[in-house]
Every structure is written in structure tokens, then in C-alpha cells.
């Protein structure tokens, strides 16, 4: 075993109480970022959050746009458990760096229709139909573009980087991204734990999400206190911000807008082989990780992607965790996407 590797630890035994706690923590993971920026959604420079695109099979894809309306297009792939509106918290950084974010709900999240029998690789067809459609808003042109993702969105980002036409994608960024669990050199942190539980116990997962939803709506401060225990010290100061509860409700409500089926199915897919090889990705990929991240750890998730992607650059940010990466490097990330276009 390499010195850089650490032994894999088995997932802790599951109890109903521990799964509910873990689920609440996962909910909080994506629901706090507004507190980091000190702004509310209404203060962002540009947004159009509730747009709908109808696919040929009749399903709806929900999408939102943020940042500079005349800027370089960046497709954004959200994490878990949230939806397209996660990208609102990058709106200022996108605008400052001349980027326009286009964030799409995955099936069963937000306002995108649930897709029975979906696999990760099926996302490619939805994205292809979306970017090639003549029916997008007149000011939205997706001839060439960049792509970015946070956390679990990495699987969908890298799928598109591998299989979309190479001349369409100009640059790629993965922030605190997940990696294929079967390829990890070490324990995959809380993300691995959440995904494996959802795959093995989907009925308990559904109950847990329903309970977590009620708790978040009724006692958000209690949920924040509980959730903070699942994160690195670098992340924990975020949970004391008084704006966190309001943002938690808004983002989590979008995730389970149609019930928890979409997010549970997505988590279970991420616990299994993704259906494509990382070796297929021909683009240079900028990887951004906090060194203290215990949700998607650098030493397992980050090193796995870095070693298996043919062309990648790993940026390890000292003193940062998982959630703290929302504020730590957002300008550098978007500036890097623009720089990599040339």
C-alpha cells in the first residue's frame, strides 16, 4: 500500500436513527452555501431560476441561468441533495469572470420529471438534446461551452466530458467531486457511506428523508446542530450563521419537490459502477478539493480522479473542507475555466 493511501474502513452498521442523522447532514451539506457568501438570492446580479425544457419523450428538464447574461456559457451539474438552484451561490463569481451558468435539474430533482430505470449514462442523451435544441431561449446559445460540478455532480460532468462531441466542450472543473466507489484507494468518507446505505436500504432511506424533511421544516436550528457533527472542523463555523436555516429549507425543498424518490435513486446509482470509464475523458480536468474534506476526501476521491483521468490538475486547498469550498476558490475556479478555453 502506498504511503499516500489509507486503509478502507467498512461502513458503520446502519440504524434508523443514524441514517436519519446522516440524511439530515447530507441535506445540510448543500443547503448552507448562501451563508458563506453573505448574500441572498435576490442580491445576485442575474438569475432566471424556473425555466423548463420539454424533451422529445415528454419529460421536463428544469434549468436556471445565472451570472453574466452575455458571458461564456458554463453547464453546471448540482450535487446532492439539492437542485439547479445550487448554482445561484456561484452567480457573483460567474459574473465577475464573464461566465453565464446554466444549471439543469437531474430527473426527479426540482422541476425535472422523474425517469424510471434511469442510469448515470442516460444523462448524456438529455444533455445532448438540450444543447442542440433550437427551442432554447433566444439569448442562450450552446455551440461551445465549459462545464463545472460540485460533489456528486462530478459523475455527470465527467460523463459529458467523456462522450459529448470534443469540439463542443472547452474546459472542465470538478469541485469536491465524488469518484467511482469501486475504484477508491481508501475509504470514501461520508459520501460513500450515504450512497451505500441508499443503495442497500432504499425503503429506510425514503423514511429517513421524510423524517428529515419534517425536522428541517419544524426545527431547522436543531438539524443544523446535528448536521455539523458530520463535517470537518473547517466546515463547522458555517452552521452557526443565522441565515443557514432559511437557505436549508429553500434548497432542500427543491431537492424533494417531487418527494425523495429522485435523490434516493441518484444516491444508489453513485454507489454502483458509473457505466463509463474515466479513461474516456480526453479533456483537461481541473480538480479542486479541500485538504480537510471528510465528505469527499482528497486522499480517496481526489486522488482517484487525479490518477485515473488522463489529463487532470489537482488543486488541494489547505485548511478547507467540503462546504467551505463554496467560498474558498470560486473566483479562481471560474477564472481557470476561462483560461483553459484557449
Protein backbone atom coordinates (compact mmCIF):
# COMPACT_ATOMS: atom_id res chain seq x y z
CA UNK A 1 0.00 0.00 0.00
CA UNK A 2 1.31 3.43 -0.89
CA UNK A 3 2.04 5.83 1.94
CA UNK A 4 -0.49 8.20 0.38
CA UNK A 5 -3.22 5.61 0.75
CA UNK A 6 -5.20 4.81 3.86
CA UNK A 7 -6.99 1.53 4.57
CA UNK A 8 -10.63 1.30 3.63
CA UNK A 9 -13.00 1.26 6.56
CA UNK A 10 -16.27 -0.65 6.44
CA UNK A 11 -19.49 1.31 6.53
CA UNK A 12 -20.79 1.60 10.08
CA UNK A 13 -23.76 -0.63 10.96
CA UNK A 14 -27.00 1.00 9.94
CA UNK A 15 -29.66 2.02 12.41
CA UNK A 16 -32.75 4.04 11.67
CA UNK A 17 -31.56 6.81 13.95
CA UNK A 18 -28.08 7.00 12.44
CA UNK A 19 -29.43 7.05 8.90
CA UNK A 20 -31.83 9.88 9.73
CA UNK A 21 -28.92 11.81 11.22
CA UNK A 22 -26.76 11.11 8.19
CA UNK A 23 -29.52 12.16 5.82
CA UNK A 24 -30.06 15.41 7.67
CA UNK A 25 -26.33 16.04 7.48
CA UNK A 26 -26.33 15.38 3.74
CA UNK A 27 -29.26 17.76 3.34
CA UNK A 28 -27.37 20.43 5.18
CA UNK A 29 -24.27 19.86 3.07
CA UNK A 30 -25.89 21.50 0.10
CA UNK A 31 -28.17 23.91 1.88
CA UNK A 32 -25.74 26.22 3.62
CA UNK A 33 -23.73 28.00 0.94
CA UNK A 34 -25.64 31.28 0.98
CA UNK A 35 -24.36 31.93 4.46
CA UNK A 36 -20.83 31.71 3.12
CA UNK A 37 -21.37 34.48 0.64
CA UNK A 38 -23.25 36.84 2.90
CA UNK A 39 -25.88 37.35 0.21
CA UNK A 40 -29.37 36.16 -0.51
CA UNK A 41 -30.57 35.00 -3.91
CA UNK A 42 -32.25 38.34 -4.60
CA UNK A 43 -28.89 40.14 -4.50
CA UNK A 44 -27.28 38.13 -7.30
CA UNK A 45 -26.56 40.10 -10.49
CA UNK A 46 -28.71 37.98 -12.80
CA UNK A 47 -30.90 34.92 -12.48
CA UNK A 48 -33.75 33.11 -14.18
CA UNK A 49 -34.41 30.10 -11.99
CA UNK A 50 -37.59 28.37 -13.11
CA UNK A 51 -37.17 27.62 -16.81
CA UNK A 52 -38.48 24.44 -18.38
CA UNK A 53 -37.37 22.46 -21.42
CA UNK A 54 -39.54 19.68 -22.85
CA UNK A 55 -37.69 16.63 -24.12
CA UNK A 56 -38.89 14.60 -27.10
CA UNK A 57 -40.19 11.83 -24.81
CA UNK A 58 -42.40 14.36 -22.99
CA UNK A 59 -40.31 14.71 -19.85
CA UNK A 60 -39.43 18.15 -18.48
CA UNK A 61 -35.94 19.36 -17.64
CA UNK A 62 -35.86 22.27 -15.22
CA UNK A 63 -32.98 24.69 -15.60
CA UNK A 64 -31.76 28.01 -14.27
CA UNK A 65 -29.32 30.61 -15.55
CA UNK A 66 -27.06 32.91 -13.51
CA UNK A 67 -24.13 35.26 -13.87
CA UNK A 68 -23.30 37.39 -16.90
CA UNK A 69 -26.16 37.15 -19.47
CA UNK A 70 -23.67 37.79 -22.29
CA UNK A 71 -20.92 35.64 -20.76
CA UNK A 72 -19.22 32.40 -21.73
CA UNK A 73 -21.68 29.50 -21.13
CA UNK A 74 -20.88 27.03 -18.34
CA UNK A 75 -23.11 23.99 -17.82
CA UNK A 76 -23.40 23.33 -14.09
CA UNK A 77 -24.12 19.93 -12.53
CA UNK A 78 -25.51 20.11 -8.99
CA UNK A 79 -24.77 17.89 -6.02
CA UNK A 80 -26.96 16.02 -3.53
CA UNK A 81 -29.38 16.78 -2.03
CA UNK A 82 -30.19 19.97 -3.89
CA UNK A 83 -31.16 21.02 -7.41
CA UNK A 84 -30.45 23.60 -10.10
CA UNK A 85 -30.66 26.49 -7.63
CA UNK A 86 -27.39 25.43 -6.04
CA UNK A 87 -25.70 27.41 -8.81
CA UNK A 88 -27.19 30.67 -7.53
CA UNK A 89 -24.39 30.82 -5.00
CA UNK A 90 -21.79 30.97 -7.75
CA UNK A 91 -23.63 33.74 -9.61
CA UNK A 92 -21.43 36.60 -8.37
CA UNK A 93 -18.19 34.79 -9.15
CA UNK A 94 -19.51 33.76 -12.57
CA UNK A 95 -20.49 37.35 -13.38
CA UNK A 96 -17.13 38.74 -12.23
CA UNK A 97 -15.34 36.32 -14.54
CA UNK A 98 -17.56 36.76 -17.58
CA UNK A 99 -19.44 33.44 -17.28
CA UNK A 100 -23.07 32.50 -17.66
CA UNK A 101 -24.10 29.45 -15.62
CA UNK A 102 -26.75 27.08 -16.97
CA UNK A 103 -27.74 24.65 -14.20
CA UNK A 104 -30.01 21.70 -15.04
CA UNK A 105 -32.06 19.60 -12.62
CA UNK A 106 -31.41 15.89 -12.92
CA UNK A 107 -34.50 13.66 -13.28
CA UNK A 108 -36.59 13.63 -10.13
CA UNK A 109 -34.93 16.75 -8.69
CA UNK A 110 -36.51 20.21 -8.59
CA UNK A 111 -38.83 20.54 -11.58
CA UNK A 112 -37.29 17.83 -13.79
CA UNK A 113 -39.51 14.81 -14.42
CA UNK A 114 -38.58 11.54 -12.75
CA UNK A 115 -37.19 8.92 -15.16
CA UNK A 116 -37.92 5.28 -14.37
CA UNK A 117 -34.99 2.92 -14.79
CA UNK A 118 -32.50 5.75 -15.20
CA UNK A 119 -28.76 5.10 -15.15
CA UNK A 120 -25.96 7.66 -14.97
CA UNK A 121 -25.14 7.23 -18.67
CA UNK A 122 -28.72 8.13 -19.66
CA UNK A 123 -27.99 11.73 -18.65
CA UNK A 124 -25.91 12.16 -21.78
CA UNK A 125 -28.95 11.93 -24.08
CA UNK A 126 -30.82 14.57 -22.08
CA UNK A 127 -27.88 16.96 -22.21
CA UNK A 128 -27.34 16.38 -25.94
CA UNK A 129 -30.97 17.11 -26.69
CA UNK A 130 -30.84 20.21 -24.51
CA UNK A 131 -27.69 21.76 -26.01
CA UNK A 132 -28.74 21.02 -29.60
CA UNK A 133 -32.31 22.27 -29.32
CA UNK A 134 -33.47 25.25 -31.39
CA UNK A 135 -36.16 25.83 -28.75
CA UNK A 136 -33.93 27.23 -26.00
CA UNK A 137 -34.42 30.92 -25.11
CA UNK A 138 -33.17 33.14 -27.93
CA UNK A 139 -30.23 34.51 -25.93
CA UNK A 140 -28.99 31.05 -24.90
CA UNK A 141 -26.54 29.61 -27.44
CA UNK A 142 -24.65 26.43 -26.61
CA UNK A 143 -22.36 25.86 -29.56
CA UNK A 144 -19.30 25.61 -27.32
CA UNK A 145 -19.21 25.76 -23.54
CA UNK A 146 -17.40 24.78 -20.35
CA UNK A 147 -18.67 22.54 -17.53
CA UNK A 148 -18.46 22.63 -13.74
CA UNK A 149 -19.85 20.48 -10.94
CA UNK A 150 -19.92 20.17 -7.17
CA UNK A 151 -19.72 16.93 -5.18
CA UNK A 152 -21.98 14.21 -6.68
CA UNK A 153 -22.43 16.22 -9.87
CA UNK A 154 -18.92 15.06 -10.83
CA UNK A 155 -20.22 11.75 -12.22
CA UNK A 156 -22.50 13.56 -14.68
CA UNK A 157 -19.92 16.21 -15.50
CA UNK A 158 -17.27 13.60 -16.34
CA UNK A 159 -19.74 11.54 -18.37
CA UNK A 160 -20.40 14.57 -20.55
CA UNK A 161 -16.68 15.37 -20.72
CA UNK A 162 -16.08 11.83 -21.97
CA UNK A 163 -18.88 11.47 -24.51
CA UNK A 164 -20.11 14.84 -25.71
CA UNK A 165 -18.53 15.96 -29.00
CA UNK A 166 -14.99 17.00 -28.14
CA UNK A 167 -15.19 20.25 -30.10
CA UNK A 168 -18.17 21.42 -28.03
CA UNK A 169 -16.58 21.18 -24.56
CA UNK A 170 -13.74 23.66 -23.98
CA UNK A 171 -12.88 23.30 -20.28
CA UNK A 172 -13.97 21.27 -17.23
CA UNK A 173 -13.87 21.86 -13.44
CA UNK A 174 -14.77 19.38 -10.70
CA UNK A 175 -15.21 20.81 -7.20
CA UNK A 176 -15.09 18.43 -4.21
CA UNK A 177 -16.16 15.68 -6.56
CA UNK A 178 -17.17 12.08 -5.94
CA UNK A 179 -15.30 9.22 -7.65
CA UNK A 180 -16.42 5.68 -8.57
CA UNK A 181 -16.61 3.85 -5.25
CA UNK A 182 -15.25 0.56 -6.58
CA UNK A 183 -12.06 2.34 -7.69
CA UNK A 184 -11.27 4.22 -4.48
CA UNK A 185 -7.83 3.62 -2.93
CA UNK A 186 -9.17 4.42 0.55
CA UNK A 187 -12.40 4.96 2.45
CA UNK A 188 -14.64 7.44 0.60
CA UNK A 189 -15.84 9.37 3.61
CA UNK A 190 -19.43 10.32 4.37
CA UNK A 191 -20.36 10.41 0.68
CA UNK A 192 -19.54 6.71 0.33
CA UNK A 193 -21.48 5.95 3.48
CA UNK A 194 -24.62 7.81 2.31
CA UNK A 195 -24.55 6.26 -1.18
CA UNK A 196 -24.12 2.68 0.03
CA UNK A 197 -26.93 2.99 2.56
CA UNK A 198 -29.32 4.36 -0.09
CA UNK A 199 -28.42 1.52 -2.47
CA UNK A 200 -28.84 -1.23 0.15
CA UNK A 201 -31.82 0.11 2.11
CA UNK A 202 -33.92 2.34 -0.19
CA UNK A 203 -37.09 1.93 1.87
CA UNK A 204 -35.36 3.04 5.04
CA UNK A 205 -33.80 5.86 3.04
CA UNK A 206 -37.24 7.07 1.98
CA UNK A 207 -38.49 7.04 5.57
CA UNK A 208 -35.35 8.86 6.69
CA UNK A 209 -35.71 11.59 4.06
CA UNK A 210 -39.36 12.11 5.01
CA UNK A 211 -38.44 12.40 8.69
CA UNK A 212 -35.54 14.72 7.87
CA UNK A 213 -37.86 16.91 5.79
CA UNK A 214 -40.27 17.34 8.70
CA UNK A 215 -37.46 18.08 11.12
CA UNK A 216 -35.85 20.66 8.86
CA UNK A 217 -39.14 22.50 8.41
CA UNK A 218 -40.05 22.45 12.09
CA UNK A 219 -36.70 22.69 13.90
CA UNK A 220 -34.01 23.88 11.48
CA UNK A 221 -31.63 25.03 14.21
CA UNK A 222 -31.67 21.59 15.79
CA UNK A 223 -30.94 19.98 12.43
CA UNK A 224 -28.00 22.34 11.85
CA UNK A 225 -26.52 21.44 15.23
CA UNK A 226 -26.87 17.72 14.45
CA UNK A 227 -25.53 18.09 10.91
CA UNK A 228 -22.40 19.97 11.97
CA UNK A 229 -21.11 16.84 13.71
CA UNK A 230 -20.73 15.07 10.36
CA UNK A 231 -18.34 17.63 8.85
CA UNK A 232 -14.74 18.72 9.20
CA UNK A 233 -13.81 21.50 11.60
CA UNK A 234 -13.17 23.72 8.58
CA UNK A 235 -16.88 23.49 7.73
CA UNK A 236 -18.47 23.82 11.15
CA UNK A 237 -18.45 27.60 11.54
CA UNK A 238 -20.92 27.70 8.65
CA UNK A 239 -23.62 26.09 10.78
CA UNK A 240 -23.73 28.94 13.27
CA UNK A 241 -24.82 31.53 10.71
CA UNK A 242 -28.44 32.63 11.36
CA UNK A 243 -29.24 32.62 7.63
CA UNK A 244 -28.48 28.94 7.33
CA UNK A 245 -31.90 27.64 8.35
CA UNK A 246 -33.73 29.70 5.72
CA UNK A 247 -31.36 28.59 2.99
CA UNK A 248 -31.54 24.99 4.18
CA UNK A 249 -35.29 24.93 3.73
CA UNK A 250 -35.15 26.57 0.29
CA UNK A 251 -32.55 24.24 -1.22
CA UNK A 252 -33.73 21.04 0.41
CA UNK A 253 -37.32 21.81 -0.57
CA UNK A 254 -36.22 21.97 -4.22
CA UNK A 255 -34.42 18.65 -3.93
CA UNK A 256 -37.52 16.83 -2.63
CA UNK A 257 -40.03 18.93 -4.57
CA UNK A 258 -41.44 15.70 -6.04
CA UNK A 259 -40.68 13.56 -2.99
CA UNK A 260 -37.41 11.83 -2.09
CA UNK A 261 -37.51 9.26 -4.91
CA UNK A 262 -35.23 11.20 -7.23
CA UNK A 263 -32.44 11.83 -4.74
CA UNK A 264 -32.55 8.28 -3.32
CA UNK A 265 -32.29 6.80 -6.82
CA UNK A 266 -29.41 9.16 -7.64
CA UNK A 267 -27.51 8.18 -4.49
CA UNK A 268 -27.98 4.48 -5.23
CA UNK A 269 -26.62 4.95 -8.78
CA UNK A 270 -23.49 6.59 -7.39
CA UNK A 271 -22.85 3.52 -5.23
CA UNK A 272 -22.59 1.33 -8.35
CA UNK A 273 -20.29 1.38 -11.41
CA UNK A 274 -20.98 4.51 -13.42
CA UNK A 275 -21.20 2.83 -16.83
CA UNK A 276 -18.27 4.61 -18.47
CA UNK A 277 -14.52 4.77 -17.96
CA UNK A 278 -12.68 7.80 -16.66
CA UNK A 279 -10.04 6.97 -19.27
CA UNK A 280 -12.54 8.15 -21.91
CA UNK A 281 -12.24 11.76 -20.74
CA UNK A 282 -9.97 13.46 -23.25
CA UNK A 283 -10.20 16.97 -21.82
CA UNK A 284 -8.00 18.50 -19.17
CA UNK A 285 -9.96 18.50 -15.91
CA UNK A 286 -9.25 20.95 -13.08
CA UNK A 287 -9.88 19.19 -9.75
CA UNK A 288 -10.49 21.32 -6.65
CA UNK A 289 -10.52 19.77 -3.13
CA UNK A 290 -10.22 20.97 0.42
CA UNK A 291 -7.46 19.12 2.24
CA UNK A 292 -9.69 18.71 5.30
CA UNK A 293 -12.76 17.37 3.45
CA UNK A 294 -14.23 14.29 5.17
CA UNK A 295 -17.31 14.12 2.93
CA UNK A 296 -15.42 13.59 -0.36
CA UNK A 297 -11.89 13.15 0.96
CA UNK A 298 -8.93 14.34 -1.05
CA UNK A 299 -6.93 11.17 -0.24
CA UNK A 300 -9.58 8.90 -1.72
CA UNK A 301 -11.96 10.77 -4.04
CA UNK A 302 -9.50 13.41 -5.21
CA UNK A 303 -6.55 11.09 -5.74
CA UNK A 304 -8.73 8.52 -7.50
CA UNK A 305 -9.92 11.02 -10.11
CA UNK A 306 -6.46 12.55 -10.48
CA UNK A 307 -4.79 9.19 -11.11
CA UNK A 308 -7.46 7.77 -13.43
CA UNK A 309 -8.24 10.80 -15.58
CA UNK A 310 -5.76 11.02 -18.47
CA UNK A 311 -5.37 14.80 -18.16
CA UNK A 312 -6.07 16.45 -14.82
CA UNK A 313 -4.63 19.04 -12.45
CA UNK A 314 -5.27 18.57 -8.75
CA UNK A 315 -5.66 21.71 -6.63
CA UNK A 316 -5.52 20.82 -2.92
CA UNK A 317 -6.60 23.79 -0.80
CA UNK A 318 -5.04 23.88 2.64
CA UNK A 319 -7.37 24.38 5.59
CA UNK A 320 -10.59 23.90 3.60
CA UNK A 321 -13.24 21.22 3.95
CA UNK A 322 -16.24 20.28 1.82
CA UNK A 323 -18.75 23.08 2.34
CA UNK A 324 -16.06 25.71 2.74
CA UNK A 325 -15.06 25.18 -0.91
CA UNK A 326 -18.08 27.26 -1.88
CA UNK A 327 -16.26 30.39 -0.77
CA UNK A 328 -12.64 29.34 -0.84
CA UNK A 329 -11.81 29.33 -4.53
CA UNK A 330 -14.89 30.31 -6.56
CA UNK A 331 -13.20 33.17 -8.43
CA UNK A 332 -10.15 31.03 -9.16
CA UNK A 333 -12.35 28.21 -10.45
CA UNK A 334 -14.20 30.37 -12.98
CA UNK A 335 -11.06 32.25 -13.98
CA UNK A 336 -9.46 28.87 -14.59
CA UNK A 337 -12.31 27.73 -16.80
CA UNK A 338 -11.89 30.81 -18.96
CA UNK A 339 -8.10 30.46 -19.06
CA UNK A 340 -8.37 26.82 -20.18
CA UNK A 341 -10.54 27.72 -23.19
CA UNK A 342 -7.54 28.93 -25.20
